[in-house]
N, C-alpha and C. Protein backbone atom coordinates (compact mmCIF):
# COMPACT_ATOMS: atom_id res chain seq x y z
N MET A 1 -195.82 -91.07 -99.63
CA MET A 1 -195.66 -89.74 -99.11
C MET A 1 -196.87 -88.88 -99.44
N LYS A 2 -198.08 -89.40 -99.14
CA LYS A 2 -199.30 -88.62 -99.36
C LYS A 2 -199.70 -87.91 -98.07
N THR A 3 -200.48 -86.87 -98.21
CA THR A 3 -201.00 -86.16 -97.05
C THR A 3 -202.16 -86.95 -96.45
N PRO A 4 -202.46 -86.75 -95.18
CA PRO A 4 -203.59 -87.47 -94.57
C PRO A 4 -204.92 -87.19 -95.26
N ALA A 5 -205.13 -85.99 -95.75
CA ALA A 5 -206.39 -85.67 -96.43
C ALA A 5 -206.54 -86.44 -97.73
N ALA A 6 -205.45 -86.77 -98.39
CA ALA A 6 -205.51 -87.52 -99.64
C ALA A 6 -205.83 -88.99 -99.39
N VAL A 7 -205.49 -89.50 -98.21
CA VAL A 7 -205.68 -90.92 -97.90
C VAL A 7 -206.99 -91.17 -97.16
N HIS A 8 -207.47 -90.20 -96.41
CA HIS A 8 -208.64 -90.39 -95.56
C HIS A 8 -209.90 -90.60 -96.39
N ASP A 9 -210.72 -91.60 -95.98
CA ASP A 9 -211.99 -91.89 -96.63
C ASP A 9 -213.12 -91.56 -95.66
N PHE A 10 -213.97 -90.64 -96.01
CA PHE A 10 -215.04 -90.19 -95.12
C PHE A 10 -216.15 -91.23 -95.05
N ALA A 11 -216.80 -91.30 -93.88
CA ALA A 11 -217.88 -92.25 -93.66
C ALA A 11 -219.13 -91.83 -94.44
N ALA A 12 -219.85 -92.84 -94.94
CA ALA A 12 -221.07 -92.56 -95.69
C ALA A 12 -222.28 -92.40 -94.77
N ARG A 13 -222.17 -92.86 -93.52
CA ARG A 13 -223.28 -92.78 -92.57
C ARG A 13 -223.43 -91.35 -92.07
N PRO A 14 -224.64 -90.79 -92.12
CA PRO A 14 -224.83 -89.41 -91.66
C PRO A 14 -224.77 -89.32 -90.13
N PHE A 15 -224.26 -88.22 -89.65
CA PHE A 15 -224.19 -87.95 -88.22
C PHE A 15 -225.32 -87.00 -87.84
N PRO A 16 -226.22 -87.42 -86.92
CA PRO A 16 -227.35 -86.54 -86.56
C PRO A 16 -226.86 -85.36 -85.73
N GLU A 17 -227.41 -84.19 -86.00
CA GLU A 17 -227.04 -83.00 -85.24
C GLU A 17 -227.62 -83.05 -83.83
N LYS A 18 -228.83 -83.60 -83.67
CA LYS A 18 -229.46 -83.73 -82.37
C LYS A 18 -229.87 -85.18 -82.16
N THR A 19 -229.83 -85.61 -80.92
CA THR A 19 -230.30 -86.96 -80.62
C THR A 19 -231.82 -86.95 -80.60
N PRO A 20 -232.47 -88.02 -81.02
CA PRO A 20 -233.94 -88.04 -81.03
C PRO A 20 -234.50 -88.00 -79.62
N HIS A 21 -235.72 -87.50 -79.50
CA HIS A 21 -236.41 -87.40 -78.21
C HIS A 21 -236.66 -88.79 -77.65
N PHE A 22 -236.51 -88.95 -76.34
CA PHE A 22 -236.72 -90.23 -75.68
C PHE A 22 -237.82 -90.07 -74.64
N ASP A 23 -238.79 -90.97 -74.65
CA ASP A 23 -239.88 -90.96 -73.67
C ASP A 23 -239.62 -92.03 -72.62
N TYR A 24 -239.58 -91.61 -71.36
CA TYR A 24 -239.41 -92.55 -70.26
C TYR A 24 -240.73 -93.22 -69.92
N ASP A 25 -240.66 -94.36 -69.22
CA ASP A 25 -241.87 -95.05 -68.79
C ASP A 25 -242.68 -94.17 -67.85
N SER A 26 -243.95 -94.49 -67.70
CA SER A 26 -244.82 -93.68 -66.85
C SER A 26 -244.45 -93.83 -65.37
N GLY A 27 -243.73 -94.88 -65.00
CA GLY A 27 -243.30 -95.07 -63.61
C GLY A 27 -242.08 -94.27 -63.23
N HIS A 28 -241.47 -93.59 -64.18
CA HIS A 28 -240.27 -92.80 -63.91
C HIS A 28 -240.62 -91.33 -63.68
N LYS A 29 -239.90 -90.70 -62.75
CA LYS A 29 -239.92 -89.25 -62.63
C LYS A 29 -238.82 -88.74 -63.54
N VAL A 30 -239.09 -87.71 -64.28
CA VAL A 30 -238.11 -87.16 -65.22
C VAL A 30 -237.58 -85.85 -64.66
N LEU A 31 -236.24 -85.77 -64.53
CA LEU A 31 -235.59 -84.58 -63.99
C LEU A 31 -234.50 -84.12 -64.94
N LYS A 32 -234.27 -82.82 -64.98
CA LYS A 32 -233.23 -82.27 -65.84
C LYS A 32 -231.94 -82.11 -65.05
N VAL A 33 -230.83 -82.50 -65.67
CA VAL A 33 -229.52 -82.36 -65.06
C VAL A 33 -229.07 -80.90 -65.24
N THR A 34 -228.65 -80.27 -64.15
CA THR A 34 -228.27 -78.87 -64.19
C THR A 34 -226.89 -78.68 -64.80
N GLN A 35 -226.45 -77.43 -64.93
CA GLN A 35 -225.17 -77.12 -65.54
C GLN A 35 -223.97 -77.62 -64.73
N ASN A 36 -224.17 -77.88 -63.45
CA ASN A 36 -223.07 -78.42 -62.65
C ASN A 36 -223.06 -79.95 -62.62
N GLY A 37 -223.98 -80.60 -63.34
CA GLY A 37 -224.01 -82.06 -63.43
C GLY A 37 -224.80 -82.75 -62.35
N ALA A 38 -225.66 -82.04 -61.64
CA ALA A 38 -226.45 -82.62 -60.55
C ALA A 38 -227.94 -82.49 -60.86
N ILE A 39 -228.73 -83.28 -60.13
CA ILE A 39 -230.18 -83.13 -60.20
C ILE A 39 -230.65 -82.56 -58.87
N ARG A 40 -231.69 -81.77 -58.92
CA ARG A 40 -232.26 -81.19 -57.71
C ARG A 40 -233.35 -82.12 -57.22
N TRP A 41 -233.27 -82.48 -55.94
CA TRP A 41 -234.22 -83.42 -55.37
C TRP A 41 -235.00 -82.73 -54.25
N ARG A 42 -236.30 -82.75 -54.33
CA ARG A 42 -237.21 -82.18 -53.33
C ARG A 42 -236.93 -80.70 -53.08
N PHE A 43 -236.62 -79.94 -54.10
CA PHE A 43 -236.43 -78.49 -54.08
C PHE A 43 -235.25 -78.00 -53.24
N TYR A 44 -234.59 -78.87 -52.50
CA TYR A 44 -233.58 -78.40 -51.57
C TYR A 44 -232.27 -79.19 -51.65
N TYR A 45 -232.35 -80.46 -51.98
CA TYR A 45 -231.18 -81.33 -51.96
C TYR A 45 -230.63 -81.52 -53.37
N TRP A 46 -229.35 -81.86 -53.45
CA TRP A 46 -228.69 -82.09 -54.73
C TRP A 46 -228.05 -83.46 -54.75
N VAL A 47 -228.15 -84.15 -55.89
CA VAL A 47 -227.49 -85.43 -56.12
C VAL A 47 -226.62 -85.27 -57.35
N TYR A 48 -225.31 -85.45 -57.19
CA TYR A 48 -224.40 -85.27 -58.31
C TYR A 48 -224.39 -86.52 -59.18
N LEU A 49 -224.55 -86.33 -60.50
CA LEU A 49 -224.49 -87.43 -61.46
C LEU A 49 -223.16 -87.37 -62.23
N THR A 50 -223.10 -86.52 -63.23
CA THR A 50 -221.90 -86.29 -64.02
C THR A 50 -222.10 -85.04 -64.85
N SER A 51 -221.02 -84.34 -65.12
CA SER A 51 -221.14 -83.12 -65.92
C SER A 51 -221.35 -83.44 -67.40
N ALA A 52 -221.14 -84.69 -67.80
CA ALA A 52 -221.37 -85.08 -69.19
C ALA A 52 -222.85 -85.06 -69.56
N LEU A 53 -223.72 -85.12 -68.57
CA LEU A 53 -225.17 -85.14 -68.82
C LEU A 53 -225.84 -83.78 -68.62
N LYS A 54 -225.07 -82.72 -68.49
CA LYS A 54 -225.70 -81.42 -68.21
C LYS A 54 -226.64 -81.01 -69.34
N GLY A 55 -227.82 -80.57 -68.94
CA GLY A 55 -228.86 -80.18 -69.88
C GLY A 55 -229.71 -81.33 -70.38
N LYS A 56 -229.37 -82.56 -70.06
CA LYS A 56 -230.13 -83.74 -70.48
C LYS A 56 -231.18 -84.10 -69.42
N TYR A 57 -232.10 -84.95 -69.79
CA TYR A 57 -233.14 -85.42 -68.88
C TYR A 57 -232.86 -86.85 -68.47
N VAL A 58 -232.99 -87.13 -67.17
CA VAL A 58 -232.81 -88.48 -66.65
C VAL A 58 -234.12 -88.93 -66.02
N GLY A 59 -234.32 -90.24 -65.96
CA GLY A 59 -235.49 -90.81 -65.33
C GLY A 59 -235.09 -91.50 -64.05
N ILE A 60 -235.89 -91.32 -63.00
CA ILE A 60 -235.61 -92.00 -61.74
C ILE A 60 -236.81 -92.85 -61.36
N GLU A 61 -236.51 -93.99 -60.76
CA GLU A 61 -237.55 -94.96 -60.40
C GLU A 61 -237.35 -95.37 -58.95
N GLU A 62 -238.41 -95.37 -58.16
CA GLU A 62 -238.32 -95.72 -56.74
C GLU A 62 -238.33 -97.22 -56.54
N LEU A 63 -237.40 -97.71 -55.72
CA LEU A 63 -237.37 -99.12 -55.37
C LEU A 63 -238.05 -99.38 -54.03
N GLY A 64 -238.10 -98.40 -53.17
CA GLY A 64 -238.68 -98.53 -51.84
C GLY A 64 -237.65 -98.18 -50.78
N ASN A 65 -238.12 -97.81 -49.60
CA ASN A 65 -237.27 -97.44 -48.47
C ASN A 65 -236.34 -96.28 -48.80
N GLY A 66 -236.72 -95.41 -49.69
CA GLY A 66 -235.92 -94.25 -50.01
C GLY A 66 -234.82 -94.50 -51.03
N ILE A 67 -234.77 -95.67 -51.63
CA ILE A 67 -233.76 -96.00 -52.64
C ILE A 67 -234.34 -95.71 -54.03
N TRP A 68 -233.56 -94.99 -54.85
CA TRP A 68 -233.98 -94.61 -56.19
C TRP A 68 -232.95 -95.06 -57.21
N LYS A 69 -233.43 -95.57 -58.35
CA LYS A 69 -232.56 -95.95 -59.48
C LYS A 69 -232.59 -94.81 -60.50
N VAL A 70 -231.44 -94.48 -61.07
CA VAL A 70 -231.33 -93.38 -62.02
C VAL A 70 -230.95 -93.95 -63.39
N PHE A 71 -231.67 -93.52 -64.43
CA PHE A 71 -231.44 -93.97 -65.80
C PHE A 71 -231.24 -92.77 -66.71
N TYR A 72 -230.36 -92.92 -67.69
CA TYR A 72 -230.32 -92.00 -68.82
C TYR A 72 -230.72 -92.82 -70.04
N ARG A 73 -231.88 -92.54 -70.58
CA ARG A 73 -232.48 -93.33 -71.65
C ARG A 73 -232.61 -94.77 -71.16
N ASN A 74 -231.96 -95.73 -71.81
CA ASN A 74 -232.03 -97.13 -71.37
C ASN A 74 -230.84 -97.55 -70.53
N VAL A 75 -229.95 -96.63 -70.20
CA VAL A 75 -228.72 -96.95 -69.50
C VAL A 75 -228.90 -96.69 -68.00
N PHE A 76 -228.65 -97.71 -67.20
CA PHE A 76 -228.72 -97.58 -65.75
C PHE A 76 -227.45 -96.89 -65.25
N LEU A 77 -227.62 -95.78 -64.52
CA LEU A 77 -226.48 -95.02 -64.03
C LEU A 77 -226.08 -95.39 -62.61
N GLY A 78 -227.05 -95.62 -61.73
CA GLY A 78 -226.73 -95.97 -60.35
C GLY A 78 -227.90 -95.71 -59.43
N PHE A 79 -227.63 -95.83 -58.12
CA PHE A 79 -228.62 -95.65 -57.08
C PHE A 79 -228.29 -94.42 -56.25
N PHE A 80 -229.30 -93.85 -55.59
CA PHE A 80 -229.05 -92.93 -54.49
C PHE A 80 -230.10 -93.16 -53.41
N ASN A 81 -229.69 -92.89 -52.17
CA ASN A 81 -230.55 -93.10 -51.02
C ASN A 81 -231.10 -91.75 -50.57
N GLU A 82 -232.39 -91.61 -50.63
CA GLU A 82 -233.05 -90.35 -50.27
C GLU A 82 -232.85 -90.03 -48.79
N ASN A 83 -232.71 -91.04 -47.95
CA ASN A 83 -232.56 -90.81 -46.51
C ASN A 83 -231.21 -90.21 -46.16
N GLU A 84 -230.19 -90.40 -46.99
CA GLU A 84 -228.87 -89.84 -46.73
C GLU A 84 -228.77 -88.37 -47.15
N LEU A 85 -229.74 -87.86 -47.87
CA LEU A 85 -229.69 -86.49 -48.35
C LEU A 85 -229.83 -85.48 -47.22
N ARG A 86 -230.42 -85.86 -46.14
CA ARG A 86 -230.67 -84.92 -45.06
C ARG A 86 -229.41 -84.58 -44.27
N ASN A 87 -228.34 -85.35 -44.44
CA ASN A 87 -227.08 -85.06 -43.77
C ASN A 87 -226.30 -84.06 -44.62
N LYS A 88 -226.21 -82.84 -44.16
CA LYS A 88 -225.60 -81.76 -44.95
C LYS A 88 -224.08 -81.87 -45.05
N LYS A 89 -223.44 -82.67 -44.21
CA LYS A 89 -221.99 -82.72 -44.18
C LYS A 89 -221.40 -83.62 -45.25
N THR A 90 -222.22 -84.40 -45.93
CA THR A 90 -221.71 -85.31 -46.95
C THR A 90 -222.26 -84.93 -48.31
N ASN A 91 -221.46 -85.15 -49.34
CA ASN A 91 -221.91 -84.96 -50.71
C ASN A 91 -222.53 -86.26 -51.20
N ILE A 92 -223.64 -86.16 -51.89
CA ILE A 92 -224.33 -87.35 -52.38
C ILE A 92 -223.99 -87.55 -53.85
N ARG A 93 -223.49 -88.72 -54.16
CA ARG A 93 -223.21 -89.13 -55.53
C ARG A 93 -223.91 -90.46 -55.77
N LEU A 94 -224.02 -90.81 -57.03
CA LEU A 94 -224.63 -92.11 -57.35
C LEU A 94 -223.72 -93.24 -56.93
N GLU A 95 -224.33 -94.34 -56.54
CA GLU A 95 -223.59 -95.54 -56.18
C GLU A 95 -223.99 -96.64 -57.15
N THR A 96 -223.05 -97.49 -57.52
CA THR A 96 -223.36 -98.56 -58.45
C THR A 96 -223.83 -99.83 -57.74
N ASN A 97 -223.54 -99.95 -56.46
CA ASN A 97 -224.05 -101.11 -55.71
C ASN A 97 -224.53 -100.65 -54.35
N LEU A 98 -225.41 -101.38 -53.76
CA LEU A 98 -226.02 -100.99 -52.49
C LEU A 98 -225.43 -101.74 -51.30
N VAL A 99 -224.52 -102.65 -51.53
CA VAL A 99 -223.97 -103.47 -50.45
C VAL A 99 -222.77 -102.79 -49.84
């Protein structure tokens, strides 16, 4: 019949207040995720990623034919097609496969 505070054992590993700075490869374009969870593409278009990354920087890499890969640090997030951005009636989100 002990309280949880009497039984709990705290971790010895320190928790960093900020994540360390990450440098993307020179082949990546680096963009900042806005407060709504999207990146601004070509000053006019928006690609929604996730609101969990707001304020963070992502790297994008061109594959060709308007297809771009999006990374957060070393984690691959998905693809987006630059050619589909010109259609204003659809919302653009990342896709995990191109087929």
